[in-house]
Protein backbone atom coordinates (compact mmCIF):
# COMPACT_ATOMS: atom_id res chain seq x y z
CA UNK A 1 17.63 67.45 13.10
CA UNK A 2 17.54 66.16 9.51
CA UNK A 3 20.89 65.53 7.86
CA UNK A 4 22.52 63.70 4.97
CA UNK A 5 24.54 60.91 6.55
CA UNK A 6 26.70 58.12 5.13
CA UNK A 7 28.29 55.25 7.06
CA UNK A 8 30.70 54.01 4.40
CA UNK A 9 32.61 55.75 1.63
CA UNK A 10 30.84 55.41 -1.68
CA UNK A 11 27.57 54.12 -0.22
CA UNK A 12 24.29 55.73 -1.17
CA UNK A 13 23.72 58.65 1.25
CA UNK A 14 20.32 59.21 2.77
CA UNK A 15 18.35 61.62 4.93
CA UNK A 16 18.25 60.63 8.58
CA UNK A 17 17.55 62.19 11.97
CA UNK A 18 20.58 62.86 14.16
CA UNK A 19 20.96 64.76 17.46
CA UNK A 20 21.05 68.55 17.28
CA UNK A 21 24.62 69.80 17.79
CA UNK A 22 25.76 71.77 20.83
CA UNK A 23 28.23 74.64 20.43
CA UNK A 24 31.93 74.18 21.13
CA UNK A 25 33.18 76.51 23.87
CA UNK A 26 34.85 78.69 21.21
CA UNK A 27 32.21 78.07 18.57
CA UNK A 28 28.61 78.52 17.53
CA UNK A 29 25.74 76.49 16.17
CA UNK A 30 24.42 77.87 12.89
CA UNK A 31 20.92 77.28 11.54
CA UNK A 32 21.74 76.48 7.94
CA UNK A 33 19.73 78.59 5.51
CA UNK A 34 21.67 77.60 2.38
CA UNK A 35 24.55 75.28 1.54
CA UNK A 36 26.24 74.59 -1.78
CA UNK A 37 27.01 71.24 -3.41
CA UNK A 38 30.68 71.13 -4.38
CA UNK A 39 32.85 68.52 -6.09
CA UNK A 40 34.93 68.51 -2.90
CA UNK A 41 31.91 66.93 -1.18
CA UNK A 42 32.00 64.16 -3.76
CA UNK A 43 35.73 63.62 -3.17
CA UNK A 44 35.00 63.29 0.55
CA UNK A 45 32.15 60.84 -0.07
CA UNK A 46 34.46 58.73 -2.24
CA UNK A 47 37.03 58.51 0.56
CA UNK A 48 39.66 60.78 -0.96
CA UNK A 49 40.01 62.92 2.18
CA UNK A 50 41.95 61.37 5.09
CA UNK A 51 40.41 63.76 7.63
CA UNK A 52 36.91 62.29 7.40
CA UNK A 53 35.77 59.95 10.17
CA UNK A 54 32.70 57.78 9.58
CA UNK A 55 29.76 58.10 9.94
CA UNK A 56 29.78 61.50 8.35
CA UNK A 57 27.61 64.49 7.44
CA UNK A 58 29.12 66.37 4.45
CA UNK A 59 28.69 69.99 3.36
CA UNK A 60 31.05 72.94 3.70
CA UNK A 61 29.65 75.92 1.76
CA UNK A 62 27.13 77.47 4.11
CA UNK A 63 25.34 80.57 5.27
CA UNK A 64 22.75 80.99 7.98
CA UNK A 65 21.83 82.50 11.33
CA UNK A 66 23.52 81.84 14.66
CA UNK A 67 21.35 79.60 16.82
CA UNK A 68 23.58 79.25 19.91
CA UNK A 69 27.02 80.38 21.09
CA UNK A 70 29.76 78.84 23.22
CA UNK A 71 30.78 80.36 26.53
CA UNK A 72 34.05 81.75 25.17
CA UNK A 73 32.55 83.51 22.13
CA UNK A 74 32.57 87.28 22.49
CA UNK A 75 31.96 88.81 19.03
CA UNK A 76 28.68 87.14 18.01
CA UNK A 77 25.14 86.62 19.25
CA UNK A 78 22.16 84.46 18.32
CA UNK A 79 20.33 85.77 15.25
CA UNK A 80 23.41 87.17 13.51
CA UNK A 81 23.51 86.45 9.75
CA UNK A 82 26.84 84.84 8.92
CA UNK A 83 28.94 82.80 6.56
CA UNK A 84 32.45 81.42 6.96
CA UNK A 85 35.37 80.03 4.96
CA UNK A 86 35.48 76.28 4.47
CA UNK A 87 38.87 76.34 6.24
CA UNK A 88 38.57 77.82 9.72
CA UNK A 89 41.85 78.84 11.35
CA UNK A 90 42.58 78.51 15.05
CA UNK A 91 43.82 82.11 15.19
CA UNK A 92 46.90 81.37 17.32
CA UNK A 93 49.28 79.15 15.32
CA UNK A 94 52.14 80.62 13.31
CA UNK A 95 50.24 80.48 10.02
CA UNK A 96 47.21 82.21 11.51
CA UNK A 97 49.37 84.88 13.13
CA UNK A 98 50.81 85.60 9.68
CA UNK A 99 47.25 86.05 8.34
CA UNK A 100 47.14 82.73 6.50
CA UNK A 101 44.23 81.06 8.26
CA UNK A 102 43.53 78.98 5.12
CA UNK A 103 46.61 76.85 5.90
CA UNK A 104 46.17 76.76 9.70
CA UNK A 105 48.09 74.02 11.48
CA UNK A 106 44.96 72.89 13.39
CA UNK A 107 42.26 73.94 10.97
CA UNK A 108 38.56 73.14 11.37
CA UNK A 109 36.74 72.20 8.17
CA UNK A 110 32.97 71.66 8.39
CA UNK A 111 32.10 68.68 6.21
CA UNK A 112 35.61 67.20 6.45
CA UNK A 113 37.31 67.30 9.85
CA UNK A 114 33.84 67.51 11.49
CA UNK A 115 30.20 67.10 10.52
CA UNK A 116 29.07 69.62 7.94
CA UNK A 117 26.20 71.66 6.63
CA UNK A 118 24.03 69.16 4.74
CA UNK A 119 21.83 69.42 7.80
CA UNK A 120 19.43 71.78 9.53
CA UNK A 121 22.16 72.87 11.98
CA UNK A 122 25.95 72.78 12.03
CA UNK A 123 28.42 73.40 14.87
CA UNK A 124 31.61 75.29 13.98
CA UNK A 125 34.74 76.06 15.99
CA UNK A 126 36.92 79.17 16.25
CA UNK A 127 33.91 81.45 15.77
CA UNK A 128 35.49 84.77 16.75
CA UNK A 129 38.30 84.22 14.22
CA UNK A 130 36.30 82.88 11.29
CA UNK A 131 32.69 84.02 11.15
CA UNK A 132 31.88 86.66 8.54
CA UNK A 133 28.92 89.02 8.95
CA UNK A 134 26.77 89.14 5.84
CA UNK A 135 25.92 92.48 4.23
CA UNK A 136 22.23 93.26 4.71
CA UNK A 137 21.61 93.14 0.98
CA UNK A 138 23.16 89.69 0.46
CA UNK A 139 20.82 86.69 0.49
CA UNK A 140 21.80 83.34 1.99
CA UNK A 141 21.96 81.45 -1.32
CA UNK A 142 24.48 83.91 -2.76
CA UNK A 143 26.46 83.95 0.48
CA UNK A 144 26.72 80.17 0.59
CA UNK A 145 28.12 80.11 -2.94
CA UNK A 146 31.13 82.14 -1.75
CA UNK A 147 32.25 79.62 0.84
CA UNK A 148 34.58 77.39 -1.16
CA UNK A 149 34.61 77.75 -4.91
CA UNK A 150 34.38 81.52 -5.17
CA UNK A 151 36.83 82.46 -2.41
CA UNK A 152 39.31 79.79 -3.53
CA UNK A 153 39.18 81.18 -7.06
CA UNK A 154 39.44 84.73 -5.73
CA UNK A 155 42.57 83.94 -3.75
CA UNK A 156 43.99 81.99 -6.69
CA UNK A 157 43.41 84.77 -9.22
CA UNK A 158 44.01 87.84 -7.04
CA UNK A 159 46.51 86.87 -4.36
CA UNK A 160 48.38 83.91 -5.84
CA UNK A 161 48.24 84.67 -9.56
CA UNK A 162 48.34 88.45 -9.07
CA UNK A 163 46.44 88.82 -12.32
CA UNK A 164 46.66 92.24 -13.95
CA UNK A 165 44.61 94.01 -16.60
CA UNK A 166 45.54 93.00 -20.12
CA UNK A 167 47.01 89.64 -19.20
CA UNK A 168 45.81 86.36 -20.71
CA UNK A 169 44.24 83.97 -18.21
CA UNK A 170 43.29 80.41 -19.18
CA UNK A 171 40.69 78.55 -17.09
CA UNK A 172 40.50 74.78 -17.55
CA UNK A 173 37.12 73.49 -16.41
CA UNK A 174 33.97 75.61 -16.15
CA UNK A 175 32.22 74.24 -13.11
CA UNK A 176 31.68 76.42 -10.06
CA UNK A 177 35.39 77.06 -9.47
CA UNK A 178 36.11 77.74 -13.12
CA UNK A 179 33.18 80.06 -13.69
CA UNK A 180 34.16 81.97 -10.55
CA UNK A 181 37.69 82.31 -11.89
CA UNK A 182 36.37 83.57 -15.23
CA UNK A 183 34.26 86.24 -13.52
CA UNK A 184 37.03 87.37 -11.17
CA UNK A 185 39.75 87.51 -13.83
CA UNK A 186 37.43 89.44 -16.13
CA UNK A 187 36.66 91.90 -13.31
CA UNK A 188 40.39 92.59 -13.05
CA UNK A 189 40.58 93.41 -16.77
CA UNK A 190 42.23 90.18 -17.94
CA UNK A 191 41.54 88.43 -21.25
CA UNK A 192 40.03 85.09 -20.26
CA UNK A 193 40.11 81.86 -22.26
CA UNK A 194 37.64 79.26 -20.93
CA UNK A 195 38.13 75.55 -21.65
CA UNK A 196 35.58 72.78 -21.12
CA UNK A 197 33.93 69.87 -22.95
CA UNK A 198 30.33 70.99 -22.34
CA UNK A 199 29.03 73.68 -24.66
CA UNK A 200 26.46 74.98 -22.16
CA UNK A 201 29.22 75.63 -19.61
CA UNK A 202 31.28 77.44 -22.23
CA UNK A 203 28.30 79.65 -23.06
CA UNK A 204 27.92 80.47 -19.36
CA UNK A 205 31.65 81.32 -19.24
CA UNK A 206 31.23 83.63 -22.22
CA UNK A 207 28.34 85.40 -20.50
CA UNK A 208 30.62 85.97 -17.48
CA UNK A 209 33.37 87.58 -19.52
CA UNK A 210 35.42 84.94 -21.32
CA UNK A 211 36.71 86.44 -24.60
CA UNK A 212 37.54 83.01 -26.06
CA UNK A 213 35.99 79.59 -25.38
CA UNK A 214 37.57 76.30 -26.42
CA UNK A 215 35.73 72.99 -26.47
CA UNK A 216 38.32 70.37 -25.55
CA UNK A 217 36.08 67.64 -26.94
CA UNK A 218 36.70 69.02 -30.44
CA UNK A 219 40.20 70.52 -30.15
CA UNK A 220 43.00 67.96 -29.99
CA UNK A 221 45.81 70.18 -28.71
CA UNK A 222 44.47 72.72 -26.21
CA UNK A 223 47.90 74.06 -25.10
CA UNK A 224 48.92 74.73 -28.70
CA UNK A 225 45.60 76.48 -29.40
CA UNK A 226 46.08 78.75 -26.38
CA UNK A 227 49.69 79.47 -27.34
CA UNK A 228 48.53 80.64 -30.76
CA UNK A 229 45.62 82.75 -29.49
CA UNK A 230 47.76 84.51 -26.89
CA UNK A 231 50.89 84.98 -29.02
CA UNK A 232 53.07 82.92 -26.72
CA UNK A 233 50.92 81.50 -23.96
CA UNK A 234 48.80 82.47 -20.97
CA UNK A 235 50.29 84.65 -18.24
CA UNK A 236 48.23 82.73 -15.68
CA UNK A 237 46.47 79.40 -16.11
CA UNK A 238 44.07 77.72 -13.69
CA UNK A 239 43.26 74.04 -13.38
CA UNK A 240 39.76 74.39 -12.01
CA UNK A 241 38.78 70.76 -12.53
CA UNK A 242 41.54 68.62 -11.09
CA UNK A 243 42.53 65.84 -13.50
CA UNK A 244 45.93 64.75 -14.78
CA UNK A 245 44.97 66.03 -18.23
CA UNK A 246 43.73 69.48 -17.16
CA UNK A 247 46.73 69.97 -14.88
CA UNK A 248 49.15 69.08 -17.68
CA UNK A 249 47.33 71.29 -20.19
CA UNK A 250 47.25 74.21 -17.78
CA UNK A 251 51.00 74.08 -17.23
CA UNK A 252 51.74 73.44 -20.91
CA UNK A 253 49.74 76.42 -22.17
CA UNK A 254 51.77 79.00 -20.19
CA UNK A 255 54.15 81.53 -21.66
CA UNK A 256 57.64 81.81 -20.23
CA UNK A 257 57.62 82.78 -16.52
CA UNK A 258 53.88 82.15 -16.40
CA UNK A 259 51.94 80.98 -13.36
CA UNK A 260 49.91 77.80 -12.98
CA UNK A 261 47.26 77.86 -10.23
CA UNK A 262 46.02 74.46 -9.00
CA UNK A 263 42.55 74.73 -7.50
CA UNK A 264 40.81 71.52 -8.59
CA UNK A 265 41.43 68.61 -6.22
CA UNK A 266 42.99 65.40 -7.57
CA UNK A 267 42.78 61.96 -5.95
CA UNK A 268 46.32 61.18 -7.16
CA UNK A 269 49.35 63.34 -7.91
CA UNK A 270 49.75 63.87 -11.67
CA UNK A 271 52.81 63.73 -13.88
CA UNK A 272 53.95 67.27 -14.63
CA UNK A 273 56.29 68.63 -17.34
CA UNK A 274 59.14 69.48 -14.99
CA UNK A 275 61.60 70.16 -17.81
CA UNK A 276 59.35 72.92 -19.13
CA UNK A 277 58.91 74.33 -15.64
CA UNK A 278 62.65 74.59 -15.15
CA UNK A 279 63.54 75.84 -18.64
CA UNK A 280 60.83 78.49 -18.75
CA UNK A 281 60.91 79.46 -15.06
CA UNK A 282 57.24 78.67 -14.54
CA UNK A 283 55.55 79.05 -11.15
CA UNK A 284 53.24 76.40 -9.70
CA UNK A 285 50.91 77.68 -6.99
CA UNK A 286 48.00 76.32 -5.01
CA UNK A 287 44.91 78.01 -3.59
CA UNK A 288 43.22 76.58 -0.50
CA UNK A 289 40.39 78.93 0.35
CA UNK A 290 40.69 82.36 1.90
CA UNK A 291 40.86 83.77 5.42
CA UNK A 292 37.76 85.40 6.89
CA UNK A 293 39.49 88.76 7.33
CA UNK A 294 39.89 89.03 3.54
CA UNK A 295 36.15 88.79 2.74
CA UNK A 296 35.56 92.58 2.79
CA UNK A 297 37.60 92.86 -0.42
CA UNK A 298 35.07 90.59 -2.14
CA UNK A 299 32.11 92.41 -0.59
CA UNK A 300 33.50 95.75 -1.82
CA UNK A 301 33.82 94.47 -5.39
CA UNK A 302 30.28 93.05 -5.23
CA UNK A 303 28.91 96.37 -3.95
CA UNK A 304 30.75 98.21 -6.73
CA UNK A 305 29.15 95.94 -9.33
CA UNK A 306 32.44 94.36 -10.41
CA UNK A 307 31.50 90.89 -9.17
CA UNK A 308 28.08 89.22 -9.31
CA UNK A 309 28.35 85.80 -7.65
CA UNK A 310 24.59 85.32 -7.85
CA UNK A 311 25.04 84.81 -11.60
CA UNK A 312 26.90 81.58 -10.82
CA UNK A 313 23.84 79.95 -9.23
CA UNK A 314 22.44 77.29 -11.52
CA UNK A 315 19.54 76.06 -9.40
CA UNK A 316 18.36 75.64 -5.83
CA UNK A 317 17.30 72.22 -4.54
CA UNK A 318 16.06 70.47 -1.41
CA UNK A 319 18.13 68.48 1.07
CA UNK A 320 16.46 65.32 -0.20
CA UNK A 321 17.47 66.17 -3.76
CA UNK A 322 21.01 66.87 -2.58
CA UNK A 323 21.29 63.34 -1.19
CA UNK A 324 20.52 61.99 -4.66
CA UNK A 325 22.79 64.49 -6.41
CA UNK A 326 25.89 63.97 -4.25
CA UNK A 327 27.01 60.63 -5.79
CA UNK A 328 26.60 62.07 -9.30
CA UNK A 329 28.54 65.32 -8.84
CA UNK A 330 31.50 64.01 -10.84
CA UNK A 331 29.14 63.62 -13.80
CA UNK A 332 27.37 66.97 -13.35
CA UNK A 333 27.12 68.62 -16.75
CA UNK A 334 24.81 71.56 -16.11
CA UNK A 335 26.15 75.10 -15.96
CA UNK A 336 26.07 76.87 -12.62
CA UNK A 337 26.23 75.98 -8.95
CA UNK A 338 23.64 73.90 -7.06
CA UNK A 339 22.59 75.23 -3.66
CA UNK A 340 20.35 73.61 -1.03
CA UNK A 341 17.86 76.09 0.43
CA UNK A 342 14.99 73.75 1.36
CA UNK A 343 15.53 71.62 4.47
CA UNK A 344 11.95 70.38 4.82
CA UNK A 345 9.61 70.90 7.71
């Protein structure tokens, strides 16, 4: 099969031919119909993830059809249309038994712990626990866009932040994660403030429901601006980018007893205003994907017209184009998510 493969961190990735995968006993092989390009893939390529073993095939946001099944798989068959979370839980550890597959003790992550979906086929483990059947009306490109950015934002906004109608929600960074957070918070009736340095991304955020947009390239003190707009600070603030500056600004813009949600990944731990956290009883929370059993909540909101993840798609590209785009993802300035849906002949 064709796949994007790199042998060293930071080297130019290329398209190569590698052996077709065989299914794990508890897993399946999926024919990849669509897979998203995510900044997490760039972090992996740069060597920021200790779970990656070289050589490596990246890619973790995928949807497709089951090509083959392992001998211990009982709930799925070849031809089924599926997607899956980027964190696959084993189903038997303590965290999984509590329903928190996204923090499984022995998690499987395509594109990180194992070869991923920037390929014609991908083998995944723990199939009966983690595969998600796609609604008939959902296309593969839209489904793939849910796999990391959207579900991580959904868990961050809905389950961790517990956002309610009428609250102020600040979103720092309007890439795929941030735009997802804007859409989800708006669907819950929150007043969303979107922050970025690219005007096109801010316009996209406004089209998805942001009531205020702030260009951090032109505003010197973002936390102070948010404090003034919200009459005291955001109830919930999301760092959707993952830099020391956006993390600090997200925490600093909160009102007393507000919640900071860290979704964007950072290569290094940032300095945080601990005195403010203590004095104002702020909460710092993370969001690391979402368990497969929770997907029906998203599907219900999509069917009801409250969420439209297809609006987050910026453009679709080929696998060859993805190999060129991967090293530049940290500089990506266009609005919307890139998805691979052309794997060549």
